[in-house]
């Protein structure tokens, strides 16, 4: 009887541990519209980022203030980490830009991260826009 109780306890402990691990790595909901700010040499550049989320997978689009809308590719949320890429048209052709960021803020309403632009690592920040019903 004691062996059965110990075995049952071990199974319950494993189930609890796996549940905690799964909960700790569950993706945060980042769906919605975000405003991204990038400090460039000519001042702040603003883009809107529209994200749709299905579990850990992200789809959507990014639209710079003075540019064409581009589709999000390879978007993933893992815990508080966000990664996605966009393909943009530059003077020398199309370039894939990979964004990496971390969700922060008390209500997960902020992100900050980096992307590679040529040989430079560029920092970006984003704020989640809240719909106020208006």
Protein backbone atom coordinates (compact mmCIF):
# COMPACT_ATOMS: atom_id res chain seq x y z
CA UNK A 1 0.00 0.00 0.00
CA UNK A 2 2.80 2.39 0.89
CA UNK A 3 4.49 1.80 -2.49
CA UNK A 4 1.24 2.64 -4.31
CA UNK A 5 0.89 5.85 -2.31
CA UNK A 6 4.48 6.85 -3.11
CA UNK A 7 3.93 6.09 -6.82
CA UNK A 8 0.71 8.11 -6.85
CA UNK A 9 2.47 11.00 -5.14
CA UNK A 10 5.26 10.91 -7.77
CA UNK A 11 2.72 10.98 -10.61
CA UNK A 12 0.88 13.91 -9.04
CA UNK A 13 4.17 15.76 -8.56
CA UNK A 14 5.12 15.21 -12.23
CA UNK A 15 1.72 16.46 -13.44
CA UNK A 16 2.07 19.56 -11.27
CA UNK A 17 5.62 20.22 -12.50
CA UNK A 18 4.63 19.88 -16.17
CA UNK A 19 1.66 22.18 -15.58
CA UNK A 20 3.87 24.86 -14.05
CA UNK A 21 6.39 24.60 -16.90
CA UNK A 22 3.62 24.89 -19.52
CA UNK A 23 2.10 27.87 -17.72
CA UNK A 24 5.46 29.62 -17.39
CA UNK A 25 6.09 29.37 -21.13
CA UNK A 26 2.56 30.13 -22.32
CA UNK A 27 2.61 32.98 -24.83
CA UNK A 28 1.28 36.34 -23.78
CA UNK A 29 -1.55 37.74 -25.89
CA UNK A 30 -0.04 40.45 -28.10
CA UNK A 31 -2.86 40.67 -30.64
CA UNK A 32 -3.92 44.17 -31.62
CA UNK A 33 -2.34 47.36 -32.83
CA UNK A 34 1.07 48.47 -31.61
CA UNK A 35 2.87 51.73 -32.36
CA UNK A 36 6.59 51.14 -32.95
CA UNK A 37 9.10 53.96 -32.50
CA UNK A 38 12.59 53.74 -33.95
CA UNK A 39 15.11 56.47 -33.21
CA UNK A 40 16.86 57.05 -36.53
CA UNK A 41 19.46 59.59 -37.66
CA UNK A 42 16.67 61.91 -38.85
CA UNK A 43 14.60 61.59 -35.67
CA UNK A 44 11.87 59.20 -34.61
CA UNK A 45 10.34 56.92 -37.21
CA UNK A 46 6.86 55.64 -36.38
CA UNK A 47 5.20 52.48 -37.71
CA UNK A 48 1.96 50.74 -36.86
CA UNK A 49 2.11 47.02 -36.22
CA UNK A 50 -1.13 45.07 -36.51
CA UNK A 51 -0.84 41.59 -34.97
CA UNK A 52 -3.18 38.61 -35.09
CA UNK A 53 -2.30 35.74 -32.79
CA UNK A 54 -3.13 32.03 -32.90
CA UNK A 55 -1.48 30.46 -29.86
CA UNK A 56 2.23 31.17 -30.25
CA UNK A 57 1.99 32.14 -33.94
CA UNK A 58 1.73 35.73 -35.15
CA UNK A 59 0.43 37.10 -38.43
CA UNK A 60 -0.26 40.66 -39.42
CA UNK A 61 1.30 43.66 -41.03
CA UNK A 62 3.54 46.64 -40.41
CA UNK A 63 3.01 50.06 -41.96
CA UNK A 64 5.57 52.84 -41.65
CA UNK A 65 4.27 56.44 -41.61
CA UNK A 66 5.85 57.10 -44.99
CA UNK A 67 5.92 53.68 -46.59
CA UNK A 68 4.09 50.66 -47.89
CA UNK A 69 2.42 48.08 -45.69
CA UNK A 70 4.38 44.82 -45.43
CA UNK A 71 3.26 41.43 -44.11
CA UNK A 72 4.66 39.86 -40.96
CA UNK A 73 6.56 36.62 -41.57
CA UNK A 74 7.70 33.92 -39.12
CA UNK A 75 5.99 35.60 -36.14
CA UNK A 76 6.31 33.78 -32.83
CA UNK A 77 5.55 34.56 -29.18
CA UNK A 78 7.41 32.44 -26.61
CA UNK A 79 6.66 33.51 -23.06
CA UNK A 80 7.54 37.22 -23.10
CA UNK A 81 9.76 36.99 -26.21
CA UNK A 82 8.48 38.11 -29.61
CA UNK A 83 10.17 37.53 -32.97
CA UNK A 84 9.00 38.32 -36.49
CA UNK A 85 10.40 39.46 -39.78
CA UNK A 86 9.30 41.70 -42.63
CA UNK A 87 10.63 42.01 -46.17
CA UNK A 88 11.10 45.63 -47.25
CA UNK A 89 12.03 47.20 -50.56
CA UNK A 90 15.24 49.22 -50.37
CA UNK A 91 17.32 50.94 -53.04
CA UNK A 92 19.35 47.79 -53.73
CA UNK A 93 16.40 45.38 -53.70
CA UNK A 94 14.34 43.50 -51.13
CA UNK A 95 15.76 42.99 -47.65
CA UNK A 96 14.48 40.76 -44.85
CA UNK A 97 14.51 42.50 -41.46
CA UNK A 98 14.22 40.34 -38.32
CA UNK A 99 12.75 41.94 -35.22
CA UNK A 100 13.43 40.52 -31.75
CA UNK A 101 11.74 41.91 -28.67
CA UNK A 102 10.58 41.43 -25.13
CA UNK A 103 7.14 42.22 -23.76
CA UNK A 104 7.18 44.35 -20.62
CA UNK A 105 5.07 46.67 -18.53
CA UNK A 106 2.73 45.85 -15.67
CA UNK A 107 -0.04 44.96 -18.13
CA UNK A 108 2.21 43.65 -20.92
CA UNK A 109 1.47 46.81 -22.90
CA UNK A 110 5.06 47.60 -23.94
CA UNK A 111 7.71 45.92 -26.06
CA UNK A 112 11.30 46.76 -26.75
CA UNK A 113 13.85 45.10 -28.90
CA UNK A 114 16.31 45.28 -31.75
CA UNK A 115 16.66 44.55 -35.44
CA UNK A 116 19.67 44.38 -37.71
CA UNK A 117 19.97 47.14 -40.35
CA UNK A 118 23.09 46.62 -42.42
CA UNK A 119 25.92 46.38 -39.92
CA UNK A 120 24.02 48.29 -37.24
CA UNK A 121 21.84 46.92 -34.47
CA UNK A 122 18.85 49.27 -34.16
CA UNK A 123 16.71 49.58 -31.01
CA UNK A 124 12.93 49.91 -31.13
CA UNK A 125 10.12 50.37 -28.62
CA UNK A 126 6.39 49.74 -28.99
CA UNK A 127 3.21 50.57 -27.10
CA UNK A 128 0.01 48.54 -27.34
CA UNK A 129 -2.92 50.75 -28.37
CA UNK A 130 -6.02 50.29 -26.26
CA UNK A 131 -9.40 50.59 -27.94
CA UNK A 132 -11.53 52.99 -25.90
CA UNK A 133 -14.80 52.28 -27.67
CA UNK A 134 -14.79 55.66 -29.48
